[in-house]
Amino acid sequence: MQLIKRRFYAMRNGIIADTLRKAGLGYKIIFGLNLPQITEIASGLTADADLAEELWADRRTRESMLLAPMLYPVSSMDISTAKRWMHEAPTTEVADVLCLKLLRHLPEALDIAIGTVAENDIDDMTRYTALRLMFNVLNTASSPAGREAGLPSPEETVRMIRPVAECERDSGNRLTHNLSLQLLDEIDFILE
């Protein structure tokens, strides 16, 4: 963990960190690293669930939360941990990275996303994270890699996602409205 923090410190960008602070991000520590820099750090480390959990638990440091999904081995991620992380994602940035780098690779990703949206009393950020995961699953299902992995066909994936996206579009939720519109646009593109 100390080696990672030293890497964060060595790559820090004060201008970006100040901009993120002024934008209202609630982290105590922001190093100002961009995603390619964080990905570079991840590429030099071995995937490790315990280290990823330790980074994820460091909710006061932006870069720790962004690095954690890159280090959690997909084969070690179970459904309950995936749901917990979805509920704990504090920002859209963390939710986006969580879904892109980790959760979309789970065989149960679509079921997890749809099940999460169906939960009673979920907060807006968790709802956003579930929709983001649906977006990533839809793109994966439409790719050759998705077919090789045995994911449902793009048409079956669309059949499952479209009603959720339409409902979210009509919900008036400011956080998820634009994402649901993007998801519906992607569905239309795939079906053309």
C-alpha atoms as a PDB file:
ATOM      1  CA  MET A   1       0.000   0.000   0.000  1.00  0.00           C
ATOM      2  CA  GLN A   2       2.826   2.395   0.792  1.00  0.00           C
ATOM      3  CA  LEU A   3       4.416   1.717  -2.603  1.00  0.00           C
ATOM      4  CA  ILE A   4       1.122   2.592  -4.294  1.00  0.00           C
ATOM      5  CA  LYS A   5       0.787   5.805  -2.285  1.00  0.00           C
ATOM      6  CA  ARG A   6       4.341   6.745  -3.262  1.00  0.00           C
ATOM      7  CA  ARG A   7       3.453   6.198  -6.928  1.00  0.00           C
ATOM      8  CA  PHE A   8       0.370   8.392  -6.489  1.00  0.00           C
ATOM      9  CA  TYR A   9       2.525  11.075  -4.900  1.00  0.00           C
ATOM     10  CA  ALA A  10       5.200  10.886  -7.623  1.00  0.00           C
ATOM     11  CA  MET A  11       2.607  11.285 -10.378  1.00  0.00           C
ATOM     12  CA  ARG A  12       0.461  13.907  -8.649  1.00  0.00           C
ATOM     13  CA  ASN A  13      -0.910  16.855 -10.596  1.00  0.00           C
ATOM     14  CA  GLY A  14      -1.753  19.819  -8.412  1.00  0.00           C
ATOM     15  CA  ILE A  15      -3.701  21.665 -11.100  1.00  0.00           C
ATOM     16  CA  ILE A  16      -6.054  18.738 -11.702  1.00  0.00           C
ATOM     17  CA  ALA A  17      -6.335  18.074  -7.966  1.00  0.00           C
ATOM     18  CA  ASP A  18      -7.313  21.703  -7.292  1.00  0.00           C
ATOM     19  CA  THR A  19      -9.843  21.643 -10.143  1.00  0.00           C
ATOM     20  CA  LEU A  20     -11.441  18.471  -8.757  1.00  0.00           C
ATOM     21  CA  ARG A  21     -11.575  19.951  -5.251  1.00  0.00           C
ATOM     22  CA  LYS A  22     -13.204  23.138  -6.561  1.00  0.00           C
ATOM     23  CA  ALA A  23     -15.730  20.980  -8.443  1.00  0.00           C
ATOM     24  CA  GLY A  24     -16.858  19.678  -5.067  1.00  0.00           C
ATOM     25  CA  LEU A  25     -15.414  16.181  -4.890  1.00  0.00           C
ATOM     26  CA  GLY A  26     -15.586  15.202  -1.257  1.00  0.00           C
ATOM     27  CA  TYR A  27     -12.326  13.297  -0.936  1.00  0.00           C
ATOM     28  CA  LYS A  28      -9.867  14.344   1.733  1.00  0.00           C
ATOM     29  CA  ILE A  29      -6.932  13.396  -0.527  1.00  0.00           C
ATOM     30  CA  ILE A  30      -6.868  14.001  -4.289  1.00  0.00           C
ATOM     31  CA  PHE A  31      -3.582  13.472  -6.118  1.00  0.00           C
ATOM     32  CA  GLY A  32      -4.968  14.587  -9.484  1.00  0.00           C
ATOM     33  CA  LEU A  33      -3.957  11.499 -11.444  1.00  0.00           C
ATOM     34  CA  ASN A  34      -5.800  10.774 -14.687  1.00  0.00           C
ATOM     35  CA  LEU A  35      -7.118   7.329 -15.613  1.00  0.00           C
ATOM     36  CA  PRO A  36      -4.230   6.397 -17.926  1.00  0.00           C
ATOM     37  CA  GLN A  37      -1.816   7.072 -15.056  1.00  0.00           C
ATOM     38  CA  ILE A  38      -3.881   4.948 -12.667  1.00  0.00           C
ATOM     39  CA  THR A  39      -4.097   2.197 -15.288  1.00  0.00           C
ATOM     40  CA  GLU A  40      -0.313   2.358 -15.647  1.00  0.00           C
ATOM     41  CA  ILE A  41       0.100   1.867 -11.906  1.00  0.00           C
ATOM     42  CA  ALA A  42      -2.336  -1.071 -12.011  1.00  0.00           C
ATOM     43  CA  SER A  43      -0.420  -2.711 -14.856  1.00  0.00           C
ATOM     44  CA  GLY A  44       2.674  -2.910 -12.655  1.00  0.00           C
ATOM     45  CA  LEU A  45       0.831  -4.661  -9.828  1.00  0.00           C
ATOM     46  CA  THR A  46      -0.492  -8.173  -9.377  1.00  0.00           C
ATOM     47  CA  ALA A  47      -4.263  -8.526  -9.102  1.00  0.00           C
ATOM     48  CA  ASP A  48      -5.049  -9.145  -5.452  1.00  0.00           C
ATOM     49  CA  ALA A  49      -8.479  -9.127  -3.781  1.00  0.00           C
ATOM     50  CA  ASP A  50      -7.148  -8.178  -0.341  1.00  0.00           C
ATOM     51  CA  LEU A  51      -5.176  -5.228  -1.698  1.00  0.00           C
ATOM     52  CA  ALA A  52      -8.151  -4.143  -3.800  1.00  0.00           C
ATOM     53  CA  GLU A  53     -10.403  -4.276  -0.724  1.00  0.00           C
ATOM     54  CA  GLU A  54      -7.875  -2.220   1.238  1.00  0.00           C
ATOM     55  CA  LEU A  55      -7.766   0.388  -1.516  1.00  0.00           C
ATOM     56  CA  TRP A  56     -11.578   0.379  -1.801  1.00  0.00           C
ATOM     57  CA  ALA A  57     -11.866   0.927   1.963  1.00  0.00           C
ATOM     58  CA  ASP A  58      -9.707   4.065   1.642  1.00  0.00           C
ATOM     59  CA  ARG A  59     -12.747   6.217   0.824  1.00  0.00           C
ATOM     60  CA  ARG A  60     -10.862   9.407   1.622  1.00  0.00           C
ATOM     61  CA  THR A  61      -8.474   9.025  -1.357  1.00  0.00           C
ATOM     62  CA  ARG A  62      -9.866   9.397  -4.886  1.00  0.00           C
ATOM     63  CA  GLU A  63      -7.105   7.463  -6.626  1.00  0.00           C
ATOM     64  CA  SER A  64      -7.382   4.505  -4.216  1.00  0.00           C
ATOM     65  CA  MET A  65     -11.038   4.041  -5.122  1.00  0.00           C
ATOM     66  CA  LEU A  66     -10.257   4.270  -8.841  1.00  0.00           C
ATOM     67  CA  LEU A  67      -7.382   1.788  -8.635  1.00  0.00           C
ATOM     68  CA  ALA A  68      -9.242  -0.820  -6.554  1.00  0.00           C
ATOM     69  CA  PRO A  69     -11.474  -2.187  -9.380  1.00  0.00           C
ATOM     70  CA  MET A  70      -8.417  -2.525 -11.607  1.00  0.00           C
ATOM     71  CA  LEU A  71      -6.729  -4.805  -9.064  1.00  0.00           C
ATOM     72  CA  TYR A  72      -9.624  -7.028  -7.988  1.00  0.00           C
ATOM     73  CA  PRO A  73      -9.379 -10.383  -9.798  1.00  0.00           C
ATOM     74  CA  VAL A  74     -12.594 -11.055 -11.716  1.00  0.00           C
ATOM     75  CA  SER A  75     -12.436 -14.717 -10.702  1.00  0.00           C
ATOM     76  CA  SER A  76     -12.482 -13.699  -7.017  1.00  0.00           C
ATOM     77  CA  MET A  77     -15.380 -11.238  -7.256  1.00  0.00           C
ATOM     78  CA  ASP A  78     -18.589 -12.813  -5.973  1.00  0.00           C
ATOM     79  CA  ILE A  79     -22.109 -11.460  -6.375  1.00  0.00           C
ATOM     80  CA  SER A  80     -22.427 -10.125  -2.826  1.00  0.00           C
ATOM     81  CA  THR A  81     -19.130  -8.227  -3.096  1.00  0.00           C
ATOM     82  CA  ALA A  82     -20.132  -6.849  -6.489  1.00  0.00           C
ATOM     83  CA  LYS A  83     -23.423  -5.583  -5.058  1.00  0.00           C
ATOM     84  CA  ARG A  84     -21.676  -4.118  -2.026  1.00  0.00           C
ATOM     85  CA  TRP A  85     -19.211  -2.220  -4.223  1.00  0.00           C
ATOM     86  CA  MET A  86     -22.076  -0.969  -6.393  1.00  0.00           C
ATOM     87  CA  HIS A  87     -23.782   0.407  -3.287  1.00  0.00           C
ATOM     88  CA  GLU A  88     -20.541   1.965  -2.034  1.00  0.00           C
ATOM     89  CA  ALA A  89     -19.433   3.784  -5.216  1.00  0.00           C
ATOM     90  CA  PRO A  90     -19.334   7.438  -4.090  1.00  0.00           C
ATOM     91  CA  THR A  91     -19.131   9.231  -7.456  1.00  0.00           C
ATOM     92  CA  THR A  92     -19.996   8.691 -11.094  1.00  0.00           C
ATOM     93  CA  GLU A  93     -16.286   8.548 -11.879  1.00  0.00           C
ATOM     94  CA  VAL A  94     -15.753   5.640  -9.484  1.00  0.00           C
ATOM     95  CA  ALA A  95     -18.945   3.934 -10.717  1.00  0.00           C
ATOM     96  CA  ASP A  96     -17.789   4.225 -14.332  1.00  0.00           C
ATOM     97  CA  VAL A  97     -14.383   2.692 -13.590  1.00  0.00           C
ATOM     98  CA  LEU A  98     -15.908  -0.014 -11.386  1.00  0.00           C
ATOM     99  CA  CYS A  99     -18.250  -1.122 -14.163  1.00  0.00           C
ATOM    100  CA  LEU A 100     -15.763  -0.787 -17.022  1.00  0.00           C
ATOM    101  CA  LYS A 101     -12.730  -2.384 -15.415  1.00  0.00           C
ATOM    102  CA  LEU A 102     -14.340  -5.048 -13.226  1.00  0.00           C
ATOM    103  CA  LEU A 103     -18.062  -5.711 -13.012  1.00  0.00           C
ATOM    104  CA  ARG A 104     -18.836  -6.050 -16.724  1.00  0.00           C
ATOM    105  CA  HIS A 105     -16.507  -9.058 -16.869  1.00  0.00           C
ATOM    106  CA  LEU A 106     -18.621 -11.034 -14.399  1.00  0.00           C
ATOM    107  CA  PRO A 107     -20.848 -13.704 -15.977  1.00  0.00           C
ATOM    108  CA  GLU A 108     -23.699 -12.492 -13.737  1.00  0.00           C
ATOM    109  CA  ALA A 109     -23.192  -8.788 -14.543  1.00  0.00           C
ATOM    110  CA  LEU A 110     -26.539  -8.235 -16.241  1.00  0.00           C
ATOM    111  CA  ASP A 111     -28.479 -10.059 -13.529  1.00  0.00           C
ATOM    112  CA  ILE A 112     -26.647  -8.052 -10.868  1.00  0.00           C
ATOM    113  CA  ALA A 113     -27.453  -4.748 -12.606  1.00  0.00           C
ATOM    114  CA  ILE A 114     -31.128  -5.530 -13.171  1.00  0.00           C
ATOM    115  CA  GLY A 115     -31.519  -6.919  -9.659  1.00  0.00           C
ATOM    116  CA  THR A 116     -29.931  -3.824  -8.170  1.00  0.00           C
ATOM    117  CA  VAL A 117     -32.260  -1.450 -10.018  1.00  0.00           C
ATOM    118  CA  ALA A 118     -35.224  -3.510  -8.798  1.00  0.00           C
ATOM    119  CA  GLU A 119     -34.217  -3.103  -5.134  1.00  0.00           C
ATOM    120  CA  ASN A 120     -36.397  -0.893  -2.962  1.00  0.00           C
ATOM    121  CA  ASP A 121     -34.964   2.343  -1.655  1.00  0.00           C
ATOM    122  CA  ILE A 122     -31.636   2.390  -3.511  1.00  0.00           C
ATOM    123  CA  ASP A 123     -29.912   5.735  -3.710  1.00  0.00           C
ATOM    124  CA  ASP A 124     -29.374   7.599  -6.955  1.00  0.00           C
ATOM    125  CA  MET A 125     -25.668   6.745  -7.171  1.00  0.00           C
ATOM    126  CA  THR A 126     -26.378   3.020  -6.889  1.00  0.00           C
ATOM    127  CA  ARG A 127     -29.074   3.357  -9.558  1.00  0.00           C
ATOM    128  CA  TYR A 128     -26.537   5.182 -11.764  1.00  0.00           C
ATOM    129  CA  THR A 129     -23.985   2.407 -11.201  1.00  0.00           C
ATOM    130  CA  ALA A 130     -26.488  -0.285 -12.190  1.00  0.00           C
ATOM    131  CA  LEU A 131     -27.375   1.574 -15.395  1.00  0.00           C
ATOM    132  CA  ARG A 132     -23.701   2.102 -16.193  1.00  0.00           C
ATOM    133  CA  LEU A 133     -23.157  -1.630 -15.755  1.00  0.00           C
ATOM    134  CA  MET A 134     -26.039  -2.337 -18.142  1.00  0.00           C
ATOM    135  CA  PHE A 135     -24.422  -0.008 -20.674  1.00  0.00           C
ATOM    136  CA  ASN A 136     -21.107  -1.869 -20.400  1.00  0.00           C
ATOM    137  CA  VAL A 137     -22.778  -5.289 -20.580  1.00  0.00           C
ATOM    138  CA  LEU A 138     -24.687  -4.234 -23.686  1.00  0.00           C
ATOM    139  CA  ASN A 139     -21.453  -3.206 -25.405  1.00  0.00           C
ATOM    140  CA  THR A 140     -19.716  -6.420 -24.336  1.00  0.00           C
ATOM    141  CA  ALA A 141     -22.637  -8.591 -25.502  1.00  0.00           C
ATOM    142  CA  SER A 142     -22.456  -6.897 -28.915  1.00  0.00           C
ATOM    143  CA  SER A 143     -18.779  -7.686 -29.350  1.00  0.00           C
ATOM    144  CA  PRO A 144     -17.072 -10.877 -30.565  1.00  0.00           C
ATOM    145  CA  ALA A 145     -15.628 -11.286 -27.059  1.00  0.00           C
ATOM    146  CA  GLY A 146     -19.149 -11.345 -25.637  1.00  0.00           C
ATOM    147  CA  ARG A 147     -20.216 -14.104 -27.963  1.00  0.00           C
ATOM    148  CA  GLU A 148     -17.073 -16.092 -27.141  1.00  0.00           C
ATOM    149  CA  ALA A 149     -17.762 -15.663 -23.417  1.00  0.00           C
ATOM    150  CA  GLY A 150     -21.237 -17.105 -23.868  1.00  0.00           C
ATOM    151  CA  LEU A 151     -23.091 -13.926 -22.947  1.00  0.00           C
ATOM    152  CA  PRO A 152     -26.714 -13.588 -24.021  1.00  0.00           C
ATOM    153  CA  SER A 153     -27.186 -12.366 -27.572  1.00  0.00           C
ATOM    154  CA  PRO A 154     -27.377  -8.612 -28.108  1.00  0.00           C
ATOM    155  CA  GLU A 155     -31.105  -8.992 -28.822  1.00  0.00           C
ATOM    156  CA  GLU A 156     -31.709 -10.852 -25.556  1.00  0.00           C
ATOM    157  CA  THR A 157     -29.627  -8.292 -23.675  1.00  0.00           C
ATOM    158  CA  VAL A 158     -31.656  -5.473 -25.254  1.00  0.00           C
ATOM    159  CA  ARG A 159     -34.907  -7.229 -24.308  1.00  0.00           C
ATOM    160  CA  MET A 160     -33.801  -7.233 -20.676  1.00  0.00           C
ATOM    161  CA  ILE A 161     -32.333  -3.717 -20.556  1.00  0.00           C
ATOM    162  CA  ARG A 162     -34.757  -1.629 -22.630  1.00  0.00           C
ATOM    163  CA  PRO A 163     -37.658  -1.584 -20.112  1.00  0.00           C
ATOM    164  CA  VAL A 164     -35.309  -0.541 -17.316  1.00  0.00           C
ATOM    165  CA  ALA A 165     -33.770   2.240 -19.421  1.00  0.00           C
ATOM    166  CA  GLU A 166     -37.200   3.489 -20.522  1.00  0.00           C
ATOM    167  CA  CYS A 167     -38.468   3.528 -16.943  1.00  0.00           C
ATOM    168  CA  GLU A 168     -35.368   5.394 -15.800  1.00  0.00           C
ATOM    169  CA  ARG A 169     -35.677   7.885 -18.657  1.00  0.00           C
ATOM    170  CA  ASP A 170     -39.203   8.690 -17.522  1.00  0.00           C
ATOM    171  CA  SER A 171     -38.378   8.805 -13.801  1.00  0.00           C
ATOM    172  CA  GLY A 172     -37.121  12.373 -13.752  1.00  0.00           C
ATOM    173  CA  ASN A 173     -33.945  11.331 -11.933  1.00  0.00           C
ATOM    174  CA  ARG A 174     -31.353  13.986 -12.814  1.00  0.00           C
ATOM    175  CA  LEU A 175     -28.389  11.690 -12.218  1.00  0.00           C
ATOM    176  CA  THR A 176     -29.601   8.849 -14.433  1.00  0.00           C
ATOM    177  CA  HIS A 177     -31.684  10.650 -17.058  1.00  0.00           C
ATOM    178  CA  ASN A 178     -28.858  11.324 -19.546  1.00  0.00           C
ATOM    179  CA  LEU A 179     -27.344   7.880 -19.001  1.00  0.00           C
ATOM    180  CA  SER A 180     -30.699   6.229 -19.727  1.00  0.00           C
ATOM    181  CA  LEU A 181     -30.996   8.286 -22.947  1.00  0.00           C
ATOM    182  CA  GLN A 182     -27.484   7.172 -23.981  1.00  0.00           C
ATOM    183  CA  LEU A 183     -28.403   3.584 -23.200  1.00  0.00           C
ATOM    184  CA  LEU A 184     -31.541   3.797 -25.351  1.00  0.00           C
ATOM    185  CA  ASP A 185     -29.524   5.372 -28.181  1.00  0.00           C
ATOM    186  CA  GLU A 186     -27.023   2.506 -27.955  1.00  0.00           C
ATOM    187  CA  ILE A 187     -29.883  -0.002 -28.072  1.00  0.00           C
ATOM    188  CA  ASP A 188     -31.249   1.653 -31.237  1.00  0.00           C
ATOM    189  CA  PHE A 189     -27.764   1.602 -32.786  1.00  0.00           C
ATOM    190  CA  ILE A 190     -27.277  -2.095 -32.028  1.00  0.00           C
ATOM    191  CA  LEU A 191     -30.655  -3.027 -33.469  1.00  0.00           C
ATOM    192  CA  GLU A 192     -30.086  -1.153 -36.766  1.00  0.00           C
END
